[in-house]
Amino acid sequence: MARPDLYDLLLRQIPKERIHMNTKVASFEQDSEQVTIRCVDGSLHQGDILVGADGAHSAIRQQLFTNLRKDGALPPSDDVPLPFNCVCLVGQTEVLDPEEYPGLKLEHSQFYFVVGDDDYSVRT
């Protein structure tokens, strides 16, 4: 299921007052009755289900895996580093003068890339 579809499903099915957006979770505790989250701002929230939809490096996932590992319940396939690593570098500039940069006057855009010769270069 694509992440946006999951978000849409959750937003349609869960009462708005039960969804806490822009709230950083510091930790959670779970017992046989409920789950309690403690947020960075000190607030506590309780519920039946905790959905951590904030990415693979979320505090919820990290604590869950730590607890499962301690209890010997973390599957070996989950006890490995994530299989992807991505660095995205984006730059922007002030408005450029088309007289100084004539490529800006062209009908179609252009792009350039530089490939270095060190071991960190991305080669396509």
N, C-alpha and C. Protein backbone atom coordinates (compact mmCIF):
# COMPACT_ATOMS: atom_id res chain seq x y z
N MET A 1 0.85 -1.17 0.00
CA MET A 1 0.00 0.00 0.00
C MET A 1 0.90 1.23 0.00
N ALA A 2 0.61 2.16 -0.86
CA ALA A 2 1.40 3.40 -0.92
C ALA A 2 1.13 4.23 0.33
N ARG A 3 2.16 4.89 0.82
CA ARG A 3 2.05 5.68 2.05
C ARG A 3 0.92 6.72 2.00
N PRO A 4 0.78 7.50 0.91
CA PRO A 4 -0.33 8.46 0.88
C PRO A 4 -1.70 7.79 1.01
N ASP A 5 -1.84 6.59 0.44
CA ASP A 5 -3.12 5.86 0.55
C ASP A 5 -3.37 5.43 1.99
N LEU A 6 -2.31 5.00 2.68
CA LEU A 6 -2.45 4.64 4.09
C LEU A 6 -2.85 5.85 4.92
N TYR A 7 -2.19 6.98 4.69
CA TYR A 7 -2.53 8.20 5.42
C TYR A 7 -4.00 8.58 5.19
N ASP A 8 -4.44 8.54 3.94
CA ASP A 8 -5.83 8.87 3.62
C ASP A 8 -6.80 7.93 4.34
N LEU A 9 -6.48 6.65 4.33
CA LEU A 9 -7.33 5.66 5.01
C LEU A 9 -7.41 5.96 6.50
N LEU A 10 -6.27 6.20 7.12
CA LEU A 10 -6.25 6.48 8.56
C LEU A 10 -7.02 7.77 8.87
N LEU A 11 -6.82 8.80 8.08
CA LEU A 11 -7.49 10.08 8.33
C LEU A 11 -9.01 9.98 8.16
N ARG A 12 -9.45 9.09 7.27
CA ARG A 12 -10.90 8.91 7.07
C ARG A 12 -11.53 8.08 8.19
N GLN A 13 -10.78 7.14 8.75
CA GLN A 13 -11.37 6.17 9.68
C GLN A 13 -11.17 6.50 11.16
N ILE A 14 -10.21 7.34 11.47
CA ILE A 14 -9.90 7.63 12.88
C ILE A 14 -10.46 9.01 13.22
N PRO A 15 -11.16 9.13 14.35
CA PRO A 15 -11.67 10.45 14.75
C PRO A 15 -10.54 11.47 14.85
N LYS A 16 -10.80 12.65 14.36
CA LYS A 16 -9.77 13.69 14.29
C LYS A 16 -9.14 13.98 15.65
N GLU A 17 -9.92 13.92 16.72
CA GLU A 17 -9.39 14.22 18.04
C GLU A 17 -8.42 13.14 18.55
N ARG A 18 -8.36 12.01 17.85
CA ARG A 18 -7.45 10.92 18.24
C ARG A 18 -6.14 10.95 17.46
N ILE A 19 -6.02 11.86 16.51
CA ILE A 19 -4.82 11.96 15.68
C ILE A 19 -4.01 13.16 16.15
N HIS A 20 -2.76 12.93 16.45
CA HIS A 20 -1.87 13.99 16.94
C HIS A 20 -0.80 14.25 15.89
N MET A 21 -0.99 15.33 15.15
CA MET A 21 -0.04 15.70 14.11
C MET A 21 1.00 16.65 14.69
N ASN A 22 2.18 16.66 14.07
CA ASN A 22 3.25 17.57 14.47
C ASN A 22 3.58 17.44 15.96
N THR A 23 3.52 16.22 16.45
CA THR A 23 3.84 15.93 17.85
C THR A 23 4.94 14.89 17.87
N LYS A 24 6.05 15.20 18.47
CA LYS A 24 7.17 14.26 18.51
C LYS A 24 7.02 13.34 19.71
N VAL A 25 6.99 12.05 19.45
CA VAL A 25 6.87 11.05 20.51
C VAL A 25 8.25 10.76 21.07
N ALA A 26 8.38 10.84 22.39
CA ALA A 26 9.65 10.54 23.05
C ALA A 26 9.73 9.06 23.41
N SER A 27 8.62 8.49 23.89
CA SER A 27 8.61 7.08 24.29
C SER A 27 7.18 6.59 24.38
N PHE A 28 7.05 5.27 24.52
CA PHE A 28 5.72 4.70 24.74
C PHE A 28 5.83 3.51 25.68
N GLU A 29 4.72 3.22 26.35
CA GLU A 29 4.61 2.05 27.21
C GLU A 29 3.33 1.33 26.83
N GLN A 30 3.41 0.01 26.82
CA GLN A 30 2.25 -0.79 26.44
C GLN A 30 2.03 -1.85 27.50
N ASP A 31 0.77 -2.04 27.89
CA ASP A 31 0.41 -3.16 28.76
C ASP A 31 -0.72 -3.92 28.10
N SER A 32 -1.35 -4.81 28.81
CA SER A 32 -2.40 -5.64 28.20
C SER A 32 -3.67 -4.86 27.89
N GLU A 33 -3.80 -3.66 28.43
CA GLU A 33 -5.01 -2.87 28.25
C GLU A 33 -4.88 -1.71 27.26
N GLN A 34 -3.72 -1.03 27.25
CA GLN A 34 -3.60 0.19 26.46
C GLN A 34 -2.14 0.52 26.18
N VAL A 35 -1.96 1.51 25.35
CA VAL A 35 -0.63 2.05 25.08
C VAL A 35 -0.64 3.51 25.50
N THR A 36 0.45 3.95 26.12
CA THR A 36 0.59 5.34 26.55
C THR A 36 1.82 5.91 25.88
N ILE A 37 1.65 7.07 25.24
CA ILE A 37 2.80 7.73 24.65
C ILE A 37 3.14 8.98 25.47
N ARG A 38 4.43 9.22 25.57
CA ARG A 38 4.92 10.45 26.20
C ARG A 38 5.57 11.26 25.08
N CYS A 39 5.12 12.49 24.93
CA CYS A 39 5.64 13.37 23.89
C CYS A 39 6.78 14.22 24.43
N VAL A 40 7.56 14.75 23.53
CA VAL A 40 8.70 15.60 23.91
C VAL A 40 8.24 16.78 24.74
N ASP A 41 7.02 17.28 24.47
CA ASP A 41 6.52 18.44 25.24
C ASP A 41 6.01 18.04 26.62
N GLY A 42 6.12 16.75 26.99
CA GLY A 42 5.70 16.29 28.31
C GLY A 42 4.28 15.77 28.37
N SER A 43 3.51 15.95 27.33
CA SER A 43 2.12 15.48 27.34
C SER A 43 2.06 13.96 27.24
N LEU A 44 1.01 13.39 27.81
CA LEU A 44 0.75 11.95 27.76
C LEU A 44 -0.55 11.72 27.02
N HIS A 45 -0.60 10.67 26.22
CA HIS A 45 -1.82 10.29 25.50
C HIS A 45 -1.96 8.78 25.60
N GLN A 46 -3.20 8.33 25.78
CA GLN A 46 -3.46 6.91 25.91
C GLN A 46 -4.44 6.45 24.84
N GLY A 47 -4.29 5.21 24.43
CA GLY A 47 -5.20 4.66 23.44
C GLY A 47 -5.04 3.15 23.34
N ASP A 48 -5.80 2.58 22.44
CA ASP A 48 -5.76 1.14 22.22
C ASP A 48 -4.70 0.74 21.21
N ILE A 49 -4.47 1.59 20.22
CA ILE A 49 -3.54 1.27 19.13
C ILE A 49 -2.64 2.48 18.90
N LEU A 50 -1.37 2.22 18.73
CA LEU A 50 -0.42 3.26 18.38
C LEU A 50 0.06 3.00 16.96
N VAL A 51 -0.16 3.96 16.09
CA VAL A 51 0.31 3.86 14.72
C VAL A 51 1.43 4.87 14.56
N GLY A 52 2.63 4.40 14.33
CA GLY A 52 3.76 5.29 14.09
C GLY A 52 3.95 5.43 12.59
N ALA A 53 3.42 6.49 12.02
CA ALA A 53 3.48 6.69 10.57
C ALA A 53 4.45 7.81 10.25
N ASP A 54 5.60 7.78 10.93
CA ASP A 54 6.55 8.87 10.76
C ASP A 54 7.89 8.40 10.21
N GLY A 55 7.90 7.28 9.52
CA GLY A 55 9.10 6.85 8.82
C GLY A 55 9.86 5.75 9.52
N ALA A 56 10.81 5.19 8.79
CA ALA A 56 11.57 4.04 9.27
C ALA A 56 12.49 4.38 10.44
N HIS A 57 12.88 5.63 10.58
CA HIS A 57 13.79 6.03 11.65
C HIS A 57 13.05 6.67 12.82
N SER A 58 11.77 6.36 12.96
CA SER A 58 10.94 6.98 13.98
C SER A 58 11.34 6.51 15.38
N ALA A 59 11.01 7.33 16.36
CA ALA A 59 11.25 6.97 17.76
C ALA A 59 10.43 5.75 18.15
N ILE A 60 9.22 5.66 17.62
CA ILE A 60 8.35 4.52 17.94
C ILE A 60 8.97 3.22 17.44
N ARG A 61 9.42 3.22 16.19
CA ARG A 61 10.05 2.02 15.63
C ARG A 61 11.30 1.65 16.40
N GLN A 62 12.13 2.63 16.71
CA GLN A 62 13.37 2.35 17.42
C GLN A 62 13.10 1.74 18.79
N GLN A 63 12.14 2.30 19.53
CA GLN A 63 11.84 1.76 20.85
C GLN A 63 11.20 0.38 20.74
N LEU A 64 10.29 0.21 19.78
CA LEU A 64 9.65 -1.09 19.58
C LEU A 64 10.69 -2.16 19.29
N PHE A 65 11.62 -1.86 18.40
CA PHE A 65 12.66 -2.84 18.06
C PHE A 65 13.56 -3.11 19.26
N THR A 66 13.87 -2.10 20.04
CA THR A 66 14.68 -2.29 21.25
C THR A 66 13.98 -3.22 22.21
N ASN A 67 12.67 -2.99 22.44
CA ASN A 67 11.89 -3.85 23.34
C ASN A 67 11.81 -5.28 22.82
N LEU A 68 11.54 -5.43 21.53
CA LEU A 68 11.44 -6.77 20.94
C LEU A 68 12.78 -7.50 21.01
N ARG A 69 13.86 -6.79 20.75
CA ARG A 69 15.21 -7.38 20.80
C ARG A 69 15.50 -7.85 22.23
N LYS A 70 15.17 -7.03 23.23
CA LYS A 70 15.40 -7.37 24.64
C LYS A 70 14.61 -8.61 25.03
N ASP A 71 13.40 -8.74 24.51
CA ASP A 71 12.55 -9.89 24.81
C ASP A 71 12.84 -11.11 23.94
N GLY A 72 13.79 -10.97 22.99
CA GLY A 72 14.10 -12.07 22.09
C GLY A 72 13.01 -12.33 21.07
N ALA A 73 12.19 -11.33 20.79
CA ALA A 73 11.05 -11.51 19.90
C ALA A 73 11.21 -10.78 18.56
N LEU A 74 12.35 -10.16 18.34
CA LEU A 74 12.57 -9.46 17.07
C LEU A 74 13.02 -10.47 16.02
N PRO A 75 12.26 -10.61 14.93
CA PRO A 75 12.66 -11.56 13.88
C PRO A 75 14.04 -11.20 13.32
N PRO A 76 14.87 -12.20 13.03
CA PRO A 76 16.21 -11.93 12.50
C PRO A 76 16.18 -11.07 11.23
N SER A 77 15.14 -11.22 10.42
CA SER A 77 15.07 -10.43 9.19
C SER A 77 14.88 -8.94 9.47
N ASP A 78 14.36 -8.60 10.66
CA ASP A 78 14.19 -7.19 11.03
C ASP A 78 15.39 -6.65 11.80
N ASP A 79 16.29 -7.53 12.21
CA ASP A 79 17.43 -7.10 13.02
C ASP A 79 18.66 -6.86 12.16
N VAL A 80 18.45 -6.17 11.06
CA VAL A 80 19.54 -5.80 10.15
C VAL A 80 19.38 -4.32 9.79
N PRO A 81 20.46 -3.68 9.38
CA PRO A 81 20.31 -2.27 8.97
C PRO A 81 19.32 -2.15 7.81
N LEU A 82 18.69 -0.99 7.73
CA LEU A 82 17.76 -0.77 6.63
C LEU A 82 18.49 -0.91 5.30
N PRO A 83 17.83 -1.47 4.29
CA PRO A 83 18.52 -1.81 3.04
C PRO A 83 18.73 -0.62 2.10
N PHE A 84 18.48 0.56 2.55
CA PHE A 84 18.66 1.71 1.66
C PHE A 84 19.32 2.84 2.42
N ASN A 85 20.03 3.64 1.68
CA ASN A 85 20.66 4.82 2.23
C ASN A 85 20.66 5.86 1.13
N CYS A 86 20.14 7.00 1.40
CA CYS A 86 20.00 8.00 0.37
C CYS A 86 20.42 9.36 0.90
N VAL A 87 21.18 10.06 0.11
CA VAL A 87 21.52 11.44 0.43
C VAL A 87 21.04 12.29 -0.72
N CYS A 88 20.25 13.27 -0.42
CA CYS A 88 19.72 14.15 -1.45
C CYS A 88 20.26 15.55 -1.20
N LEU A 89 20.93 16.08 -2.17
CA LEU A 89 21.48 17.42 -2.06
C LEU A 89 20.74 18.30 -3.06
N VAL A 90 20.12 19.34 -2.55
CA VAL A 90 19.36 20.25 -3.38
C VAL A 90 19.90 21.64 -3.15
N GLY A 91 20.06 22.37 -4.22
CA GLY A 91 20.54 23.74 -4.09
C GLY A 91 19.60 24.71 -4.76
N GLN A 92 19.68 25.93 -4.37
CA GLN A 92 18.89 26.96 -5.02
C GLN A 92 19.74 28.22 -5.07
N THR A 93 19.30 29.14 -5.86
CA THR A 93 20.08 30.35 -6.07
C THR A 93 19.16 31.56 -6.06
N GLU A 94 19.76 32.70 -6.00
CA GLU A 94 19.01 33.93 -6.17
C GLU A 94 18.63 34.03 -7.65
N VAL A 95 17.80 34.99 -8.00
CA VAL A 95 17.43 35.20 -9.39
C VAL A 95 18.70 35.49 -10.20
N LEU A 96 18.83 34.78 -11.31
CA LEU A 96 20.02 34.95 -12.15
C LEU A 96 19.72 35.86 -13.34
N ASP A 97 20.71 36.59 -13.74
CA ASP A 97 20.59 37.51 -14.87
C ASP A 97 20.72 36.73 -16.18
N PRO A 98 19.68 36.74 -17.04
CA PRO A 98 19.74 36.01 -18.31
C PRO A 98 20.86 36.51 -19.23
N GLU A 99 21.29 37.74 -19.06
CA GLU A 99 22.41 38.24 -19.87
C GLU A 99 23.71 37.57 -19.45
N GLU A 100 23.84 37.31 -18.18
CA GLU A 100 25.05 36.66 -17.67
C GLU A 100 24.98 35.14 -17.86
N TYR A 101 23.76 34.59 -17.85
CA TYR A 101 23.55 33.15 -18.01
C TYR A 101 22.59 32.95 -19.17
N PRO A 102 23.08 32.97 -20.42
CA PRO A 102 22.22 32.91 -21.61
C PRO A 102 21.38 31.65 -21.70
N GLY A 103 21.76 30.60 -21.01
CA GLY A 103 20.96 29.38 -21.03
C GLY A 103 19.56 29.61 -20.48
N LEU A 104 19.38 30.64 -19.68
CA LEU A 104 18.06 30.95 -19.12
C LEU A 104 17.09 31.46 -20.18
N LYS A 105 17.62 31.93 -21.31
CA LYS A 105 16.77 32.45 -22.38
C LYS A 105 16.25 31.35 -23.30
N LEU A 106 16.79 30.16 -23.18
CA LEU A 106 16.41 29.07 -24.07
C LEU A 106 14.97 28.62 -23.82
N GLU A 107 14.34 28.10 -24.88
CA GLU A 107 12.96 27.66 -24.78
C GLU A 107 12.83 26.44 -23.86
N HIS A 108 13.80 25.55 -23.92
CA HIS A 108 13.77 24.33 -23.12
C HIS A 108 14.84 24.41 -22.03
N SER A 109 14.53 23.85 -20.88
CA SER A 109 15.50 23.88 -19.79
C SER A 109 16.64 22.91 -20.06
N GLN A 110 17.72 23.11 -19.38
CA GLN A 110 18.90 22.25 -19.48
C GLN A 110 19.32 21.85 -18.08
N PHE A 111 20.05 20.76 -18.00
CA PHE A 111 20.62 20.39 -16.71
C PHE A 111 22.04 19.88 -16.94
N TYR A 112 22.83 20.00 -15.94
CA TYR A 112 24.22 19.58 -15.98
C TYR A 112 24.50 18.77 -14.73
N PHE A 113 25.40 17.83 -14.84
CA PHE A 113 25.82 17.13 -13.64
C PHE A 113 27.33 16.93 -13.69
N VAL A 114 27.89 16.80 -12.53
CA VAL A 114 29.34 16.63 -12.41
C VAL A 114 29.57 15.33 -11.66
N VAL A 115 30.42 14.50 -12.22
CA VAL A 115 30.79 13.26 -11.57
C VAL A 115 32.25 13.37 -11.19
N GLY A 116 32.52 13.28 -9.89
CA GLY A 116 33.89 13.36 -9.41
C GLY A 116 34.59 12.03 -9.50
N ASP A 117 35.88 11.98 -9.14
CA ASP A 117 36.59 10.72 -9.21
C ASP A 117 36.91 10.12 -7.85
N ASP A 118 36.25 10.62 -6.79
CA ASP A 118 36.49 9.99 -5.49
C ASP A 118 35.52 8.82 -5.31
N ASP A 119 35.66 8.10 -4.21
CA ASP A 119 34.84 6.91 -3.97
C ASP A 119 33.39 7.23 -3.62
N TYR A 120 33.07 8.49 -3.37
CA TYR A 120 31.73 8.85 -2.95
C TYR A 120 30.86 9.30 -4.11
N SER A 121 31.38 9.29 -5.29
CA SER A 121 30.63 9.77 -6.45
C SER A 121 29.53 8.80 -6.84
N VAL A 122 28.47 9.34 -7.33
CA VAL A 122 27.38 8.52 -7.88
C VAL A 122 27.59 8.44 -9.36
N ARG A 123 27.66 7.26 -9.87
CA ARG A 123 27.86 7.07 -11.31
C ARG A 123 26.62 6.40 -11.87
N THR A 124 26.12 6.95 -12.95
CA THR A 124 24.94 6.36 -13.57
C THR A 124 25.27 5.89 -14.98
